[in-house]
PDB file of N, CA and C in Angstrom:
ATOM      1  N   MET A   1     -43.079  -8.183  -1.202  1.00  0.00           N
ATOM      2  CA  MET A   1     -42.209  -7.474  -0.282  1.00  0.00           C
ATOM      3  C   MET A   1     -41.622  -8.452   0.735  1.00  0.00           C
ATOM      4  N   ALA A   2     -42.409  -9.413   1.150  1.00  0.00           N
ATOM      5  CA  ALA A   2     -41.921 -10.369   2.137  1.00  0.00           C
ATOM      6  C   ALA A   2     -40.721 -11.140   1.599  1.00  0.00           C
ATOM      7  N   GLU A   3     -40.781 -11.516   0.330  1.00  0.00           N
ATOM      8  CA  GLU A   3     -39.665 -12.238  -0.276  1.00  0.00           C
ATOM      9  C   GLU A   3     -38.412 -11.360  -0.348  1.00  0.00           C
ATOM     10  N   ALA A   4     -38.599 -10.092  -0.681  1.00  0.00           N
ATOM     11  CA  ALA A   4     -37.462  -9.166  -0.750  1.00  0.00           C
ATOM     12  C   ALA A   4     -36.847  -8.978   0.631  1.00  0.00           C
ATOM     13  N   ASN A   5     -37.678  -8.793   1.652  1.00  0.00           N
ATOM     14  CA  ASN A   5     -37.164  -8.634   3.016  1.00  0.00           C
ATOM     15  C   ASN A   5     -36.449  -9.894   3.486  1.00  0.00           C
ATOM     16  N   SER A   6     -36.966 -11.046   3.116  1.00  0.00           N
ATOM     17  CA  SER A   6     -36.318 -12.312   3.466  1.00  0.00           C
ATOM     18  C   SER A   6     -34.941 -12.416   2.817  1.00  0.00           C
ATOM     19  N   SER A   7     -34.846 -11.996   1.563  1.00  0.00           N
ATOM     20  CA  SER A   7     -33.556 -12.027   0.860  1.00  0.00           C
ATOM     21  C   SER A   7     -32.550 -11.082   1.512  1.00  0.00           C
ATOM     22  N   ILE A   8     -33.006  -9.921   1.943  1.00  0.00           N
ATOM     23  CA  ILE A   8     -32.110  -8.972   2.603  1.00  0.00           C
ATOM     24  C   ILE A   8     -31.649  -9.533   3.947  1.00  0.00           C
ATOM     25  N   ASP A   9     -32.549 -10.173   4.688  1.00  0.00           N
ATOM     26  CA  ASP A   9     -32.157 -10.788   5.957  1.00  0.00           C
ATOM     27  C   ASP A   9     -31.069 -11.832   5.742  1.00  0.00           C
ATOM     28  N   LYS A  10     -31.219 -12.659   4.712  1.00  0.00           N
ATOM     29  CA  LYS A  10     -30.201 -13.662   4.394  1.00  0.00           C
ATOM     30  C   LYS A  10     -28.884 -13.004   4.011  1.00  0.00           C
ATOM     31  N   LEU A  11     -28.950 -11.936   3.216  1.00  0.00           N
ATOM     32  CA  LEU A  11     -27.754 -11.228   2.801  1.00  0.00           C
ATOM     33  C   LEU A  11     -27.046 -10.600   3.994  1.00  0.00           C
ATOM     34  N   GLN A  12     -27.792 -10.011   4.908  1.00  0.00           N
ATOM     35  CA  GLN A  12     -27.185  -9.385   6.080  1.00  0.00           C
ATOM     36  C   GLN A  12     -26.456 -10.419   6.946  1.00  0.00           C
ATOM     37  N   ARG A  13     -26.967 -11.624   6.988  1.00  0.00           N
ATOM     38  CA  ARG A  13     -26.303 -12.674   7.776  1.00  0.00           C
ATOM     39  C   ARG A  13     -25.043 -13.193   7.095  1.00  0.00           C
ATOM     40  N   SER A  14     -24.962 -13.057   5.768  1.00  0.00           N
ATOM     41  CA  SER A  14     -23.822 -13.618   5.048  1.00  0.00           C
ATOM     42  C   SER A  14     -22.735 -12.597   4.740  1.00  0.00           C
ATOM     43  N   VAL A  15     -22.975 -11.318   5.032  1.00  0.00           N
ATOM     44  CA  VAL A  15     -22.018 -10.264   4.733  1.00  0.00           C
ATOM     45  C   VAL A  15     -21.545  -9.642   6.039  1.00  0.00           C
ATOM     46  N   ASP A  16     -20.258  -9.388   6.129  1.00  0.00           N
ATOM     47  CA  ASP A  16     -19.692  -8.750   7.314  1.00  0.00           C
ATOM     48  C   ASP A  16     -19.894  -7.248   7.207  1.00  0.00           C
ATOM     49  N   LEU A  17     -20.967  -6.756   7.827  1.00  0.00           N
ATOM     50  CA  LEU A  17     -21.308  -5.340   7.751  1.00  0.00           C
ATOM     51  C   LEU A  17     -20.580  -4.554   8.829  1.00  0.00           C
ATOM     52  N   ILE A  18     -20.285  -3.302   8.537  1.00  0.00           N
ATOM     53  CA  ILE A  18     -19.624  -2.413   9.488  1.00  0.00           C
ATOM     54  C   ILE A  18     -20.566  -2.183  10.673  1.00  0.00           C
ATOM     55  N   HIS A  19     -20.023  -2.080  11.885  1.00  0.00           N
ATOM     56  CA  HIS A  19     -20.849  -2.038  13.098  1.00  0.00           C
ATOM     57  C   HIS A  19     -21.826  -0.871  13.137  1.00  0.00           C
ATOM     58  N   TRP A  20     -21.492   0.254  12.511  1.00  0.00           N
ATOM     59  CA  TRP A  20     -22.377   1.409  12.582  1.00  0.00           C
ATOM     60  C   TRP A  20     -23.371   1.456  11.432  1.00  0.00           C
ATOM     61  N   ASN A  21     -23.385   0.426  10.588  1.00  0.00           N
ATOM     62  CA  ASN A  21     -24.292   0.432   9.450  1.00  0.00           C
ATOM     63  C   ASN A  21     -24.832  -0.965   9.182  1.00  0.00           C
ATOM     64  N   THR A  22     -25.257  -1.644  10.236  1.00  0.00           N
ATOM     65  CA  THR A  22     -25.745  -3.006  10.054  1.00  0.00           C
ATOM     66  C   THR A  22     -27.097  -3.055   9.346  1.00  0.00           C
ATOM     67  N   HIS A  23     -27.777  -1.928   9.293  1.00  0.00           N
ATOM     68  CA  HIS A  23     -29.068  -1.871   8.604  1.00  0.00           C
ATOM     69  C   HIS A  23     -28.962  -0.961   7.391  1.00  0.00           C
ATOM     70  N   GLY A  24     -27.897  -1.123   6.613  1.00  0.00           N
ATOM     71  CA  GLY A  24     -27.637  -0.259   5.469  1.00  0.00           C
ATOM     72  C   GLY A  24     -28.411  -0.634   4.220  1.00  0.00           C
ATOM     73  N   PHE A  25     -29.536  -1.306   4.374  1.00  0.00           N
ATOM     74  CA  PHE A  25     -30.362  -1.693   3.231  1.00  0.00           C
ATOM     75  C   PHE A  25     -31.729  -1.032   3.354  1.00  0.00           C
ATOM     76  N   LYS A  26     -32.226  -0.505   2.270  1.00  0.00           N
ATOM     77  CA  LYS A  26     -33.561   0.095   2.251  1.00  0.00           C
ATOM     78  C   LYS A  26     -34.285  -0.396   1.010  1.00  0.00           C
ATOM     79  N   LEU A  27     -35.573  -0.662   1.168  1.00  0.00           N
ATOM     80  CA  LEU A  27     -36.406  -1.092   0.046  1.00  0.00           C
ATOM     81  C   LEU A  27     -37.613  -0.178  -0.075  1.00  0.00           C
ATOM     82  N   GLY A  28     -38.080   0.009  -1.280  1.00  0.00           N
ATOM     83  CA  GLY A  28     -39.306   0.756  -1.504  1.00  0.00           C
ATOM     84  C   GLY A  28     -40.128   0.069  -2.578  1.00  0.00           C
ATOM     85  N   LEU A  29     -41.398  -0.099  -2.320  1.00  0.00           N
ATOM     86  CA  LEU A  29     -42.311  -0.711  -3.285  1.00  0.00           C
ATOM     87  C   LEU A  29     -43.142   0.396  -3.907  1.00  0.00           C
ATOM     88  N   CYS A  30     -43.120   0.488  -5.213  1.00  0.00           N
ATOM     89  CA  CYS A  30     -43.846   1.535  -5.934  1.00  0.00           C
ATOM     90  C   CYS A  30     -45.260   1.043  -6.229  1.00  0.00           C
ATOM     91  N   SER A  31     -46.237   1.857  -5.865  1.00  0.00           N
ATOM     92  CA  SER A  31     -47.627   1.448  -6.104  1.00  0.00           C
ATOM     93  C   SER A  31     -48.040   1.617  -7.567  1.00  0.00           C
ATOM     94  N   VAL A  32     -47.247   2.355  -8.346  1.00  0.00           N
ATOM     95  CA  VAL A  32     -47.526   2.536  -9.772  1.00  0.00           C
ATOM     96  C   VAL A  32     -46.333   1.991 -10.544  1.00  0.00           C
ATOM     97  N   PRO A  33     -46.350   0.706 -10.896  1.00  0.00           N
ATOM     98  CA  PRO A  33     -45.216   0.096 -11.590  1.00  0.00           C
ATOM     99  C   PRO A  33     -45.115   0.573 -13.039  1.00  0.00           C
ATOM    100  N   PRO A  34     -43.948   0.334 -13.655  1.00  0.00           N
ATOM    101  CA  PRO A  34     -43.806   0.669 -15.077  1.00  0.00           C
ATOM    102  C   PRO A  34     -44.824  -0.098 -15.926  1.00  0.00           C
ATOM    103  N   VAL A  35     -45.146   0.448 -17.061  1.00  0.00           N
ATOM    104  CA  VAL A  35     -46.129  -0.175 -17.958  1.00  0.00           C
ATOM    105  C   VAL A  35     -45.677  -1.590 -18.311  1.00  0.00           C
ATOM    106  N   GLY A  36     -46.581  -2.532 -18.159  1.00  0.00           N
ATOM    107  CA  GLY A  36     -46.298  -3.920 -18.503  1.00  0.00           C
ATOM    108  C   GLY A  36     -45.757  -4.742 -17.350  1.00  0.00           C
ATOM    109  N   HIS A  37     -45.600  -4.136 -16.175  1.00  0.00           N
ATOM    110  CA  HIS A  37     -45.098  -4.858 -15.005  1.00  0.00           C
ATOM    111  C   HIS A  37     -46.118  -4.800 -13.881  1.00  0.00           C
ATOM    112  N   THR A  38     -46.073  -5.790 -13.003  1.00  0.00           N
ATOM    113  CA  THR A  38     -47.030  -5.831 -11.903  1.00  0.00           C
ATOM    114  C   THR A  38     -46.531  -5.101 -10.662  1.00  0.00           C
ATOM    115  N   ALA A  39     -45.226  -4.882 -10.548  1.00  0.00           N
ATOM    116  CA  ALA A  39     -44.676  -4.192  -9.378  1.00  0.00           C
ATOM    117  C   ALA A  39     -43.336  -3.574  -9.733  1.00  0.00           C
ATOM    118  N   SER A  40     -42.911  -2.668  -8.897  1.00  0.00           N
ATOM    119  CA  SER A  40     -41.612  -2.038  -9.063  1.00  0.00           C
ATOM    120  C   SER A  40     -40.973  -1.897  -7.687  1.00  0.00           C
ATOM    121  N   VAL A  41     -39.733  -2.306  -7.558  1.00  0.00           N
ATOM    122  CA  VAL A  41     -39.041  -2.264  -6.268  1.00  0.00           C
ATOM    123  C   VAL A  41     -37.731  -1.517  -6.442  1.00  0.00           C
ATOM    124  N   LEU A  42     -37.400  -0.689  -5.472  1.00  0.00           N
ATOM    125  CA  LEU A  42     -36.125  -0.007  -5.445  1.00  0.00           C
ATOM    126  C   LEU A  42     -35.368  -0.515  -4.226  1.00  0.00           C
ATOM    127  N   GLY A  43     -34.153  -0.952  -4.434  1.00  0.00           N
ATOM    128  CA  GLY A  43     -33.322  -1.410  -3.324  1.00  0.00           C
ATOM    129  C   GLY A  43     -32.039  -0.609  -3.262  1.00  0.00           C
ATOM    130  N   LEU A  44     -31.703  -0.117  -2.085  1.00  0.00           N
ATOM    131  CA  LEU A  44     -30.478   0.642  -1.876  1.00  0.00           C
ATOM    132  C   LEU A  44     -29.648  -0.040  -0.801  1.00  0.00           C
ATOM    133  N   ALA A  45     -28.360  -0.094  -0.997  1.00  0.00           N
ATOM    134  CA  ALA A  45     -27.455  -0.659   0.003  1.00  0.00           C
ATOM    135  C   ALA A  45     -26.238   0.239   0.095  1.00  0.00           C
ATOM    136  N   ASN A  46     -25.741   0.430   1.309  1.00  0.00           N
ATOM    137  CA  ASN A  46     -24.565   1.243   1.527  1.00  0.00           C
ATOM    138  C   ASN A  46     -23.562   0.398   2.295  1.00  0.00           C
ATOM    139  N   SER A  47     -22.334   0.372   1.821  1.00  0.00           N
ATOM    140  CA  SER A  47     -21.329  -0.460   2.464  1.00  0.00           C
ATOM    141  C   SER A  47     -19.936   0.071   2.154  1.00  0.00           C
ATOM    142  N   CYS A  48     -19.032  -0.116   3.087  1.00  0.00           N
ATOM    143  CA  CYS A  48     -17.633   0.255   2.855  1.00  0.00           C
ATOM    144  C   CYS A  48     -16.989  -0.691   1.843  1.00  0.00           C
ATOM    145  N   ALA A  49     -17.644  -1.791   1.526  1.00  0.00           N
ATOM    146  CA  ALA A  49     -17.096  -2.756   0.574  1.00  0.00           C
ATOM    147  C   ALA A  49     -16.981  -2.163  -0.821  1.00  0.00           C
ATOM    148  N   VAL A  50     -17.661  -1.050  -1.083  1.00  0.00           N
ATOM    149  CA  VAL A  50     -17.570  -0.421  -2.397  1.00  0.00           C
ATOM    150  C   VAL A  50     -16.155   0.101  -2.643  1.00  0.00           C
ATOM    151  N   GLY A  51     -15.369   0.290  -1.599  1.00  0.00           N
ATOM    152  CA  GLY A  51     -13.990   0.752  -1.762  1.00  0.00           C
ATOM    153  C   GLY A  51     -13.168  -0.170  -2.650  1.00  0.00           C
ATOM    154  N   GLY A  52     -13.347  -1.469  -2.506  1.00  0.00           N
ATOM    155  CA  GLY A  52     -12.632  -2.429  -3.346  1.00  0.00           C
ATOM    156  C   GLY A  52     -13.022  -2.320  -4.808  1.00  0.00           C
ATOM    157  N   THR A  53     -14.310  -2.108  -5.056  1.00  0.00           N
ATOM    158  CA  THR A  53     -14.789  -1.947  -6.424  1.00  0.00           C
ATOM    159  C   THR A  53     -14.242  -0.668  -7.038  1.00  0.00           C
ATOM    160  N   LEU A  54     -14.289   0.427  -6.266  1.00  0.00           N
ATOM    161  CA  LEU A  54     -13.736   1.691  -6.759  1.00  0.00           C
ATOM    162  C   LEU A  54     -12.252   1.567  -7.052  1.00  0.00           C
ATOM    163  N   SER A  55     -11.541   0.847  -6.207  1.00  0.00           N
ATOM    164  CA  SER A  55     -10.103   0.661  -6.399  1.00  0.00           C
ATOM    165  C   SER A  55      -9.815  -0.105  -7.692  1.00  0.00           C
ATOM    166  N   ALA A  56     -10.595  -1.155  -7.955  1.00  0.00           N
ATOM    167  CA  ALA A  56     -10.402  -1.931  -9.182  1.00  0.00           C
ATOM    168  C   ALA A  56     -10.700  -1.091 -10.418  1.00  0.00           C
ATOM    169  N   ILE A  57     -11.756  -0.280 -10.348  1.00  0.00           N
ATOM    170  CA  ILE A  57     -12.100   0.585 -11.480  1.00  0.00           C
ATOM    171  C   ILE A  57     -11.004   1.620 -11.701  1.00  0.00           C
ATOM    172  N   LYS A  58     -10.528   2.219 -10.604  1.00  0.00           N
ATOM    173  CA  LYS A  58      -9.468   3.225 -10.731  1.00  0.00           C
ATOM    174  C   LYS A  58      -8.200   2.618 -11.316  1.00  0.00           C
ATOM    175  N   ASP A  59      -7.821   1.423 -10.854  1.00  0.00           N
ATOM    176  CA  ASP A  59      -6.616   0.767 -11.367  1.00  0.00           C
ATOM    177  C   ASP A  59      -6.725   0.502 -12.865  1.00  0.00           C
ATOM    178  N   ARG A  60      -7.882   0.045 -13.308  1.00  0.00           N
ATOM    179  CA  ARG A  60      -8.091  -0.217 -14.732  1.00  0.00           C
ATOM    180  C   ARG A  60      -8.041   1.087 -15.529  1.00  0.00           C
ATOM    181  N   PHE A  61      -8.670   2.140 -14.969  1.00  0.00           N
ATOM    182  CA  PHE A  61      -8.643   3.438 -15.634  1.00  0.00           C
ATOM    183  C   PHE A  61      -7.213   3.942 -15.782  1.00  0.00           C
ATOM    184  N   VAL A  62      -6.417   3.837 -14.713  1.00  0.00           N
ATOM    185  CA  VAL A  62      -5.030   4.322 -14.753  1.00  0.00           C
ATOM    186  C   VAL A  62      -4.231   3.570 -15.810  1.00  0.00           C
ATOM    187  N   GLN A  63      -4.465   2.261 -15.942  1.00  0.00           N
ATOM    188  CA  GLN A  63      -3.773   1.486 -16.979  1.00  0.00           C
ATOM    189  C   GLN A  63      -4.103   2.032 -18.372  1.00  0.00           C
ATOM    190  N   LEU A  64      -5.367   2.304 -18.616  1.00  0.00           N
ATOM    191  CA  LEU A  64      -5.775   2.829 -19.920  1.00  0.00           C
ATOM    192  C   LEU A  64      -5.303   4.266 -20.117  1.00  0.00           C
ATOM    193  N   TYR A  65      -5.341   5.044 -19.047  1.00  0.00           N
ATOM    194  CA  TYR A  65      -4.972   6.462 -19.144  1.00  0.00           C
ATOM    195  C   TYR A  65      -3.476   6.638 -19.406  1.00  0.00           C
ATOM    196  N   ARG A  66      -2.668   5.731 -18.894  1.00  0.00           N
ATOM    197  CA  ARG A  66      -1.213   5.811 -19.132  1.00  0.00           C
ATOM    198  C   ARG A  66      -0.890   5.794 -20.620  1.00  0.00           C
ATOM    199  N   VAL A  67      -1.632   5.021 -21.375  1.00  0.00           N
ATOM    200  CA  VAL A  67      -1.390   4.936 -22.823  1.00  0.00           C
ATOM    201  C   VAL A  67      -2.348   5.837 -23.598  1.00  0.00           C
ATOM    202  N   LYS A  68      -3.061   6.676 -22.868  1.00  0.00           N
ATOM    203  CA  LYS A  68      -4.008   7.653 -23.447  1.00  0.00           C
ATOM    204  C   LYS A  68      -5.078   6.987 -24.311  1.00  0.00           C
ATOM    205  N   ALA A  69      -5.493   5.785 -23.909  1.00  0.00           N
ATOM    206  CA  ALA A  69      -6.543   5.073 -24.637  1.00  0.00           C
ATOM    207  C   ALA A  69      -7.879   5.787 -24.435  1.00  0.00           C
ATOM    208  N   HIS A  70      -8.552   6.096 -25.505  1.00  0.00           N
ATOM    209  CA  HIS A  70      -9.889   6.699 -25.516  1.00  0.00           C
ATOM    210  C   HIS A  70      -9.947   8.116 -24.961  1.00  0.00           C
ATOM    211  N   VAL A  71      -8.795   8.719 -24.628  1.00  0.00           N
ATOM    212  CA  VAL A  71      -8.784  10.056 -24.038  1.00  0.00           C
ATOM    213  C   VAL A  71      -9.363  11.091 -24.999  1.00  0.00           C
ATOM    214  N   HIS A  72      -9.136  10.902 -26.293  1.00  0.00           N
ATOM    215  CA  HIS A  72      -9.614  11.878 -27.278  1.00  0.00           C
ATOM    216  C   HIS A  72     -11.134  12.053 -27.245  1.00  0.00           C
ATOM    217  N   HIS A  73     -11.854  11.048 -26.744  1.00  0.00           N
ATOM    218  CA  HIS A  73     -13.310  11.160 -26.635  1.00  0.00           C
ATOM    219  C   HIS A  73     -13.720  12.170 -25.559  1.00  0.00           C
ATOM    220  N   TYR A  74     -12.863  12.387 -24.592  1.00  0.00           N
ATOM    221  CA  TYR A  74     -13.214  13.215 -23.449  1.00  0.00           C
ATOM    222  C   TYR A  74     -12.577  14.599 -23.461  1.00  0.00           C
ATOM    223  N   THR A  75     -11.460  14.752 -24.160  1.00  0.00           N
ATOM    224  CA  THR A  75     -10.738  16.022 -24.105  1.00  0.00           C
ATOM    225  C   THR A  75     -11.473  17.176 -24.784  1.00  0.00           C
ATOM    226  N   GLU A  76     -12.460  16.893 -25.613  1.00  0.00           N
ATOM    227  CA  GLU A  76     -13.223  18.012 -26.179  1.00  0.00           C
ATOM    228  C   GLU A  76     -14.230  18.552 -25.157  1.00  0.00           C
ATOM    229  N   TYR A  77     -14.475  17.805 -24.080  1.00  0.00           N
ATOM    230  CA  TYR A  77     -15.408  18.233 -23.035  1.00  0.00           C
ATOM    231  C   TYR A  77     -14.714  18.659 -21.743  1.00  0.00           C
ATOM    232  N   MET A  78     -13.503  18.157 -21.525  1.00  0.00           N
ATOM    233  CA  MET A  78     -12.787  18.477 -20.294  1.00  0.00           C
ATOM    234  C   MET A  78     -11.286  18.442 -20.534  1.00  0.00           C
ATOM    235  N   SER A  79     -10.547  19.123 -19.674  1.00  0.00           N
ATOM    236  CA  SER A  79      -9.090  19.167 -19.837  1.00  0.00           C
ATOM    237  C   SER A  79      -8.442  17.943 -19.186  1.00  0.00           C
ATOM    238  N   LEU A  80      -7.199  17.682 -19.565  1.00  0.00           N
ATOM    239  CA  LEU A  80      -6.460  16.579 -18.949  1.00  0.00           C
ATOM    240  C   LEU A  80      -6.233  16.838 -17.463  1.00  0.00           C
ATOM    241  N   ASP A  81      -6.111  18.115 -17.084  1.00  0.00           N
ATOM    242  CA  ASP A  81      -5.952  18.452 -15.663  1.00  0.00           C
ATOM    243  C   ASP A  81      -7.187  18.027 -14.866  1.00  0.00           C
ATOM    244  N   ALA A  82      -8.368  18.204 -15.438  1.00  0.00           N
ATOM    245  CA  ALA A  82      -9.601  17.800 -14.759  1.00  0.00           C
ATOM    246  C   ALA A  82      -9.653  16.285 -14.599  1.00  0.00           C
ATOM    247  N   ILE A  83      -9.179  15.562 -15.588  1.00  0.00           N
ATOM    248  CA  ILE A  83      -9.140  14.099 -15.492  1.00  0.00           C
ATOM    249  C   ILE A  83      -8.167  13.681 -14.398  1.00  0.00           C
ATOM    250  N   ASP A  84      -6.986  14.301 -14.368  1.00  0.00           N
ATOM    251  CA  ASP A  84      -6.006  13.992 -13.322  1.00  0.00           C
ATOM    252  C   ASP A  84      -6.575  14.299 -11.933  1.00  0.00           C
ATOM    253  N   GLU A  85      -7.265  15.424 -11.809  1.00  0.00           N
ATOM    254  CA  GLU A  85      -7.863  15.795 -10.524  1.00  0.00           C
ATOM    255  C   GLU A  85      -8.925  14.777 -10.110  1.00  0.00           C
ATOM    256  N   SER A  86      -9.700  14.287 -11.059  1.00  0.00           N
ATOM    257  CA  SER A  86     -10.735  13.295 -10.771  1.00  0.00           C
ATOM    258  C   SER A  86     -10.134  11.998 -10.234  1.00  0.00           C
ATOM    259  N   VAL A  87      -9.012  11.580 -10.798  1.00  0.00           N
ATOM    260  CA  VAL A  87      -8.335  10.370 -10.305  1.00  0.00           C
ATOM    261  C   VAL A  87      -7.907  10.581  -8.859  1.00  0.00           C
ATOM    262  N   GLY A  88      -7.411  11.768  -8.542  1.00  0.00           N
ATOM    263  CA  GLY A  88      -7.024  12.078  -7.167  1.00  0.00           C
ATOM    264  C   GLY A  88      -8.207  12.056  -6.217  1.00  0.00           C
ATOM    265  N   ILE A  89      -9.341  12.580  -6.659  1.00  0.00           N
ATOM    266  CA  ILE A  89     -10.547  12.587  -5.828  1.00  0.00           C
ATOM    267  C   ILE A  89     -11.019  11.163  -5.557  1.00  0.00           C
ATOM    268  N   VAL A  90     -11.021  10.316  -6.579  1.00  0.00           N
ATOM    269  CA  VAL A  90     -11.432   8.916  -6.394  1.00  0.00           C
ATOM    270  C   VAL A  90     -10.453   8.202  -5.463  1.00  0.00           C
ATOM    271  N   SER A  91      -9.155   8.492  -5.579  1.00  0.00           N
ATOM    272  CA  SER A  91      -8.160   7.887  -4.685  1.00  0.00           C
ATOM    273  C   SER A  91      -8.424   8.290  -3.241  1.00  0.00           C
ATOM    274  N   ASP A  92      -8.756   9.563  -3.014  1.00  0.00           N
ATOM    275  CA  ASP A  92      -9.091  10.023  -1.663  1.00  0.00           C
ATOM    276  C   ASP A  92     -10.333   9.315  -1.130  1.00  0.00           C
ATOM    277  N   LEU A  93     -11.324   9.127  -1.989  1.00  0.00           N
ATOM    278  CA  LEU A  93     -12.546   8.438  -1.592  1.00  0.00           C
ATOM    279  C   LEU A  93     -12.255   6.989  -1.210  1.00  0.00           C
ATOM    280  N   ILE A  94     -11.413   6.324  -1.979  1.00  0.00           N
ATOM    281  CA  ILE A  94     -11.026   4.944  -1.679  1.00  0.00           C
ATOM    282  C   ILE A  94     -10.334   4.887  -0.318  1.00  0.00           C
ATOM    283  N   ASP A  95      -9.440   5.839  -0.050  1.00  0.00           N
ATOM    284  CA  ASP A  95      -8.755   5.887   1.244  1.00  0.00           C
ATOM    285  C   ASP A  95      -9.733   6.115   2.392  1.00  0.00           C
ATOM    286  N   GLN A  96     -10.739   6.956   2.174  1.00  0.00           N
ATOM    287  CA  GLN A  96     -11.734   7.208   3.212  1.00  0.00           C
ATOM    288  C   GLN A  96     -12.550   5.955   3.510  1.00  0.00           C
ATOM    289  N   TYR A  97     -12.932   5.217   2.468  1.00  0.00           N
ATOM    290  CA  TYR A  97     -13.663   3.963   2.682  1.00  0.00           C
ATOM    291  C   TYR A  97     -12.791   2.961   3.436  1.00  0.00           C
ATOM    292  N   ALA A  98     -11.506   2.883   3.098  1.00  0.00           N
ATOM    293  CA  ALA A  98     -10.599   1.959   3.783  1.00  0.00           C
ATOM    294  C   ALA A  98     -10.471   2.347   5.257  1.00  0.00           C
ATOM    295  N   GLU A  99     -10.408   3.646   5.531  1.00  0.00           N
ATOM    296  CA  GLU A  99     -10.315   4.106   6.913  1.00  0.00           C
ATOM    297  C   GLU A  99     -11.583   3.754   7.696  1.00  0.00           C
ATOM    298  N   LEU A 100     -12.743   3.943   7.080  1.00  0.00           N
ATOM    299  CA  LEU A 100     -14.000   3.602   7.750  1.00  0.00           C
ATOM    300  C   LEU A 100     -14.112   2.108   8.011  1.00  0.00           C
ATOM    301  N   ALA A 101     -13.645   1.314   7.066  1.00  0.00           N
ATOM    302  CA  ALA A 101     -13.729  -0.140   7.217  1.00  0.00           C
ATOM    303  C   ALA A 101     -12.818  -0.651   8.325  1.00  0.00           C
ATOM    304  N   SER A 102     -11.779   0.120   8.671  1.00  0.00           N
ATOM    305  CA  SER A 102     -10.830  -0.334   9.691  1.00  0.00           C
ATOM    306  C   SER A 102     -11.165   0.172  11.088  1.00  0.00           C
ATOM    307  N   VAL A 103     -12.233   0.946  11.222  1.00  0.00           N
ATOM    308  CA  VAL A 103     -12.619   1.471  12.531  1.00  0.00           C
ATOM    309  C   VAL A 103     -13.117   0.326  13.406  1.00  0.00           C
ATOM    310  N   GLU A 104     -12.582   0.241  14.609  1.00  0.00           N
ATOM    311  CA  GLU A 104     -12.997  -0.805  15.545  1.00  0.00           C
ATOM    312  C   GLU A 104     -14.349  -0.440  16.157  1.00  0.00           C
ATOM    313  N   PRO A 105     -15.249  -1.405  16.275  1.00  0.00           N
ATOM    314  CA  PRO A 105     -16.542  -1.113  16.888  1.00  0.00           C
ATOM    315  C   PRO A 105     -16.391  -0.891  18.388  1.00  0.00           C
ATOM    316  N   PRO A 106     -17.274  -0.092  18.974  1.00  0.00           N
ATOM    317  CA  PRO A 106     -17.246   0.037  20.430  1.00  0.00           C
ATOM    318  C   PRO A 106     -17.593  -1.304  21.067  1.00  0.00           C
ATOM    319  N   PRO A 107     -17.183  -1.548  22.317  1.00  0.00           N
ATOM    320  CA  PRO A 107     -17.419  -2.859  22.951  1.00  0.00           C
ATOM    321  C   PRO A 107     -18.872  -3.308  22.918  1.00  0.00           C
ATOM    322  N   ALA A 108     -19.810  -2.413  23.148  1.00  0.00           N
ATOM    323  CA  ALA A 108     -21.228  -2.812  23.140  1.00  0.00           C
ATOM    324  C   ALA A 108     -21.659  -3.282  21.762  1.00  0.00           C
ATOM    325  N   ALA A 109     -21.184  -2.626  20.710  1.00  0.00           N
ATOM    326  CA  ALA A 109     -21.551  -3.016  19.344  1.00  0.00           C
ATOM    327  C   ALA A 109     -20.885  -4.325  18.963  1.00  0.00           C
ATOM    328  N   ALA A 110     -19.675  -4.572  19.452  1.00  0.00           N
ATOM    329  CA  ALA A 110     -18.957  -5.799  19.115  1.00  0.00           C
ATOM    330  C   ALA A 110     -19.712  -7.030  19.605  1.00  0.00           C
ATOM    331  N   GLU A 111     -20.427  -6.906  20.698  1.00  0.00           N
ATOM    332  CA  GLU A 111     -21.188  -8.040  21.226  1.00  0.00           C
ATOM    333  C   GLU A 111     -22.363  -8.396  20.337  1.00  0.00           C
ATOM    334  N   ARG A 112     -22.906  -7.421  19.610  1.00  0.00           N
ATOM    335  CA  ARG A 112     -24.066  -7.667  18.751  1.00  0.00           C
ATOM    336  C   ARG A 112     -23.684  -8.272  17.410  1.00  0.00           C
ATOM    337  N   ILE A 113     -22.424  -8.164  17.014  1.00  0.00           N
ATOM    338  CA  ILE A 113     -21.993  -8.636  15.703  1.00  0.00           C
ATOM    339  C   ILE A 113     -21.746 -10.138  15.757  1.00  0.00           C
ATOM    340  N   LEU A 114     -22.378 -10.856  14.844  1.00  0.00           N
ATOM    341  CA  LEU A 114     -22.198 -12.291  14.768  1.00  0.00           C
ATOM    342  C   LEU A 114     -21.001 -12.602  13.888  1.00  0.00           C
ATOM    343  N   PRO A 115     -20.247 -13.650  14.187  1.00  0.00           N
ATOM    344  CA  PRO A 115     -19.144 -14.021  13.283  1.00  0.00           C
ATOM    345  C   PRO A 115     -19.718 -14.620  11.989  1.00  0.00           C
ATOM    346  N   TYR A 116     -19.203 -14.172  10.873  1.00  0.00           N
ATOM    347  CA  TYR A 116     -19.670 -14.647   9.583  1.00  0.00           C
ATOM    348  C   TYR A 116     -18.560 -15.392   8.865  1.00  0.00           C
ATOM    349  N   ASN A 117     -18.931 -16.426   8.162  1.00  0.00           N
ATOM    350  CA  ASN A 117     -17.991 -17.151   7.313  1.00  0.00           C
ATOM    351  C   ASN A 117     -18.327 -16.798   5.877  1.00  0.00           C
ATOM    352  N   LEU A 118     -17.422 -16.104   5.225  1.00  0.00           N
ATOM    353  CA  LEU A 118     -17.682 -15.732   3.830  1.00  0.00           C
ATOM    354  C   LEU A 118     -17.133 -16.759   2.893  1.00  0.00           C
TER     355      LEU A 118
END
């Protein structure tokens, strides 16, 4: 656990985290690991940086969807309208992440944030 916490500390110093979520990492050590392993660790991280990843995935999907690539695999389970609606929902989510990432920290929080060189 000490090694995992040390790695997270290093990561937090190297990543520009949003002021209201500087501790967006959680770890859990399972006392009953999977068969054949000595330990099991779960790590969770939350960041507005996922917006860029979602945007890249959506852009790639839209490129494929324009030419209806692989659509036949999904249309027996869902309608094209549902797929179009899903793209809109993901676009809204990307916009929300971008809005959160652009929020200015309050003056007191700005003093606690260290400048990072990525």
